[in-house]
Amino acid sequence: MRHFALLLLTAMLGLSACTDPFQREGTWHATGANEDNLRLMVADRRDLERGVDEPGSSGRTAVAAVTRLRLGQVKPLPDNGISKIGGGGGGAAAAAPPASPAPGAN
């Protein structure tokens, strides 16, 4: 009896692996909505197959940026003073003391 139960359990586990849970009734199925929306937003549909160049740009700025990225020498974003995203999360910026005003700035 014990061997039969073990055999039945093994068969049930083996058969359960054959069914795709995403094919069950009531589960989410991809409908292609993202691709449809992108096609509606793009000005020229051929741009989805092949990109276009930027008039007046030689690409040197982009090449330099990618090179810095690959070398781990990414430039920090400029501080525009408008927004501090994710404030209070710690890290080096949170641990640094506040900057003292320049002499004669009063």
C-alpha atoms as a PDB file:
ATOM      1  CA  MET A   1       0.000   0.000   0.000  1.00  0.00           C
ATOM      2  CA  ARG A   2       2.830   2.362   0.878  1.00  0.00           C
ATOM      3  CA  HIS A   3       4.522   1.806  -2.501  1.00  0.00           C
ATOM      4  CA  PHE A   4       1.245   2.521  -4.284  1.00  0.00           C
ATOM      5  CA  ALA A   5       0.805   5.823  -2.440  1.00  0.00           C
ATOM      6  CA  LEU A   6       4.384   6.813  -3.268  1.00  0.00           C
ATOM      7  CA  LEU A   7       3.854   5.880  -6.919  1.00  0.00           C
ATOM      8  CA  LEU A   8       0.589   7.838  -7.044  1.00  0.00           C
ATOM      9  CA  LEU A   9       2.217  10.882  -5.435  1.00  0.00           C
ATOM     10  CA  THR A  10       5.116  10.752  -7.905  1.00  0.00           C
ATOM     11  CA  ALA A  11       2.719  10.485 -10.836  1.00  0.00           C
ATOM     12  CA  MET A  12       0.660  13.425  -9.594  1.00  0.00           C
ATOM     13  CA  LEU A  13       3.756  15.598  -9.167  1.00  0.00           C
ATOM     14  CA  GLY A  14       5.012  14.628 -12.617  1.00  0.00           C
ATOM     15  CA  LEU A  15       1.703  15.437 -14.276  1.00  0.00           C
ATOM     16  CA  SER A  16       1.322  18.727 -12.439  1.00  0.00           C
ATOM     17  CA  ALA A  17       4.581  19.915 -14.009  1.00  0.00           C
ATOM     18  CA  CYS A  18       3.059  19.375 -17.467  1.00  0.00           C
ATOM     19  CA  THR A  19       0.398  22.029 -17.045  1.00  0.00           C
ATOM     20  CA  ASP A  20       1.265  25.693 -17.483  1.00  0.00           C
ATOM     21  CA  PRO A  21      -0.343  27.728 -14.695  1.00  0.00           C
ATOM     22  CA  PHE A  22      -0.620  30.731 -17.036  1.00  0.00           C
ATOM     23  CA  GLN A  23      -2.880  28.765 -19.368  1.00  0.00           C
ATOM     24  CA  ARG A  24      -5.514  28.212 -16.691  1.00  0.00           C
ATOM     25  CA  GLU A  25      -8.869  29.915 -16.928  1.00  0.00           C
ATOM     26  CA  GLY A  26      -8.968  33.281 -15.190  1.00  0.00           C
ATOM     27  CA  THR A  27      -5.238  34.033 -15.302  1.00  0.00           C
ATOM     28  CA  TRP A  28      -3.615  37.010 -17.014  1.00  0.00           C
ATOM     29  CA  HIS A  29      -2.670  36.638 -20.690  1.00  0.00           C
ATOM     30  CA  ALA A  30      -0.492  38.972 -22.728  1.00  0.00           C
ATOM     31  CA  THR A  31      -2.586  40.953 -25.186  1.00  0.00           C
ATOM     32  CA  GLY A  32       0.069  43.060 -26.923  1.00  0.00           C
ATOM     33  CA  ALA A  33      -1.307  46.297 -25.453  1.00  0.00           C
ATOM     34  CA  ASN A  34       2.167  47.782 -24.869  1.00  0.00           C
ATOM     35  CA  GLU A  35       3.166  47.277 -28.490  1.00  0.00           C
ATOM     36  CA  ASP A  36      -0.143  48.716 -29.692  1.00  0.00           C
ATOM     37  CA  ASN A  37       0.262  51.820 -27.525  1.00  0.00           C
ATOM     38  CA  LEU A  38       3.837  52.348 -28.705  1.00  0.00           C
ATOM     39  CA  ARG A  39       2.741  52.128 -32.347  1.00  0.00           C
ATOM     40  CA  LEU A  40       0.098  54.790 -31.679  1.00  0.00           C
ATOM     41  CA  MET A  41       2.596  57.169 -30.062  1.00  0.00           C
ATOM     42  CA  VAL A  42       5.462  56.954 -32.550  1.00  0.00           C
ATOM     43  CA  ALA A  43       5.466  59.463 -35.421  1.00  0.00           C
ATOM     44  CA  ASP A  44       6.955  57.163 -38.051  1.00  0.00           C
ATOM     45  CA  ARG A  45       6.353  53.425 -37.679  1.00  0.00           C
ATOM     46  CA  ARG A  46       9.651  52.674 -39.393  1.00  0.00           C
ATOM     47  CA  ASP A  47      11.407  54.160 -36.352  1.00  0.00           C
ATOM     48  CA  LEU A  48      10.338  51.055 -34.402  1.00  0.00           C
ATOM     49  CA  GLU A  49      12.425  48.894 -36.721  1.00  0.00           C
ATOM     50  CA  ARG A  50      15.460  51.125 -37.080  1.00  0.00           C
ATOM     51  CA  GLY A  51      16.457  54.270 -35.225  1.00  0.00           C
ATOM     52  CA  VAL A  52      17.219  57.616 -36.797  1.00  0.00           C
ATOM     53  CA  ASP A  53      20.189  59.892 -36.315  1.00  0.00           C
ATOM     54  CA  GLU A  54      20.094  63.206 -34.538  1.00  0.00           C
ATOM     55  CA  PRO A  55      20.693  66.015 -37.027  1.00  0.00           C
ATOM     56  CA  GLY A  56      23.683  68.125 -36.053  1.00  0.00           C
ATOM     57  CA  SER A  57      25.196  65.546 -33.703  1.00  0.00           C
ATOM     58  CA  SER A  58      28.315  63.550 -34.424  1.00  0.00           C
ATOM     59  CA  GLY A  59      27.652  61.172 -31.542  1.00  0.00           C
ATOM     60  CA  ARG A  60      30.823  62.118 -29.671  1.00  0.00           C
ATOM     61  CA  THR A  61      28.918  63.204 -26.566  1.00  0.00           C
ATOM     62  CA  ALA A  62      27.055  59.896 -26.409  1.00  0.00           C
ATOM     63  CA  VAL A  63      30.218  57.882 -27.004  1.00  0.00           C
ATOM     64  CA  ALA A  64      32.006  59.753 -24.218  1.00  0.00           C
ATOM     65  CA  ALA A  65      29.101  59.133 -21.816  1.00  0.00           C
ATOM     66  CA  VAL A  66      28.984  55.409 -22.592  1.00  0.00           C
ATOM     67  CA  THR A  67      32.757  55.153 -22.195  1.00  0.00           C
ATOM     68  CA  ARG A  68      32.588  56.826 -18.762  1.00  0.00           C
ATOM     69  CA  LEU A  69      29.756  54.470 -17.784  1.00  0.00           C
ATOM     70  CA  ARG A  70      31.760  51.386 -18.763  1.00  0.00           C
ATOM     71  CA  LEU A  71      34.826  52.655 -16.890  1.00  0.00           C
ATOM     72  CA  GLY A  72      32.817  53.482 -13.763  1.00  0.00           C
ATOM     73  CA  GLN A  73      33.571  57.201 -14.070  1.00  0.00           C
ATOM     74  CA  VAL A  74      29.999  58.519 -14.323  1.00  0.00           C
ATOM     75  CA  LYS A  75      29.633  62.250 -13.721  1.00  0.00           C
ATOM     76  CA  PRO A  76      27.196  63.204 -10.936  1.00  0.00           C
ATOM     77  CA  LEU A  77      24.028  65.010 -11.901  1.00  0.00           C
ATOM     78  CA  PRO A  78      24.077  68.755 -11.292  1.00  0.00           C
ATOM     79  CA  ASP A  79      22.378  69.970  -8.126  1.00  0.00           C
ATOM     80  CA  ASN A  80      19.627  72.294  -9.280  1.00  0.00           C
ATOM     81  CA  GLY A  81      18.180  72.793  -5.796  1.00  0.00           C
ATOM     82  CA  ILE A  82      14.630  72.080  -6.948  1.00  0.00           C
ATOM     83  CA  SER A  83      14.052  68.629  -5.521  1.00  0.00           C
ATOM     84  CA  LYS A  84      15.786  66.134  -3.299  1.00  0.00           C
ATOM     85  CA  ILE A  85      14.474  62.715  -4.251  1.00  0.00           C
ATOM     86  CA  GLY A  86      14.466  60.027  -1.568  1.00  0.00           C
ATOM     87  CA  GLY A  87      15.595  62.319   1.230  1.00  0.00           C
ATOM     88  CA  GLY A  88      16.329  60.828   4.630  1.00  0.00           C
ATOM     89  CA  GLY A  89      17.511  57.496   3.254  1.00  0.00           C
ATOM     90  CA  GLY A  90      20.981  57.668   4.757  1.00  0.00           C
ATOM     91  CA  GLY A  91      24.178  57.225   2.854  1.00  0.00           C
ATOM     92  CA  ALA A  92      27.146  59.561   2.467  1.00  0.00           C
ATOM     93  CA  ALA A  93      25.055  62.647   1.740  1.00  0.00           C
ATOM     94  CA  ALA A  94      23.018  62.208   4.906  1.00  0.00           C
ATOM     95  CA  ALA A  95      26.112  61.617   7.056  1.00  0.00           C
ATOM     96  CA  ALA A  96      27.978  64.671   5.778  1.00  0.00           C
ATOM     97  CA  PRO A  97      27.850  67.765   7.991  1.00  0.00           C
ATOM     98  CA  PRO A  98      26.074  70.812   6.600  1.00  0.00           C
ATOM     99  CA  ALA A  99      28.269  73.113   4.554  1.00  0.00           C
ATOM    100  CA  SER A 100      29.427  76.206   6.359  1.00  0.00           C
ATOM    101  CA  PRO A 101      28.703  79.549   4.667  1.00  0.00           C
ATOM    102  CA  ALA A 102      31.495  81.243   2.816  1.00  0.00           C
ATOM    103  CA  PRO A 103      33.310  84.001   4.723  1.00  0.00           C
ATOM    104  CA  GLY A 104      31.598  87.345   4.316  1.00  0.00           C
ATOM    105  CA  ALA A 105      28.398  85.773   2.933  1.00  0.00           C
ATOM    106  CA  ASN A 106      26.236  87.434   5.580  1.00  0.00           C
END
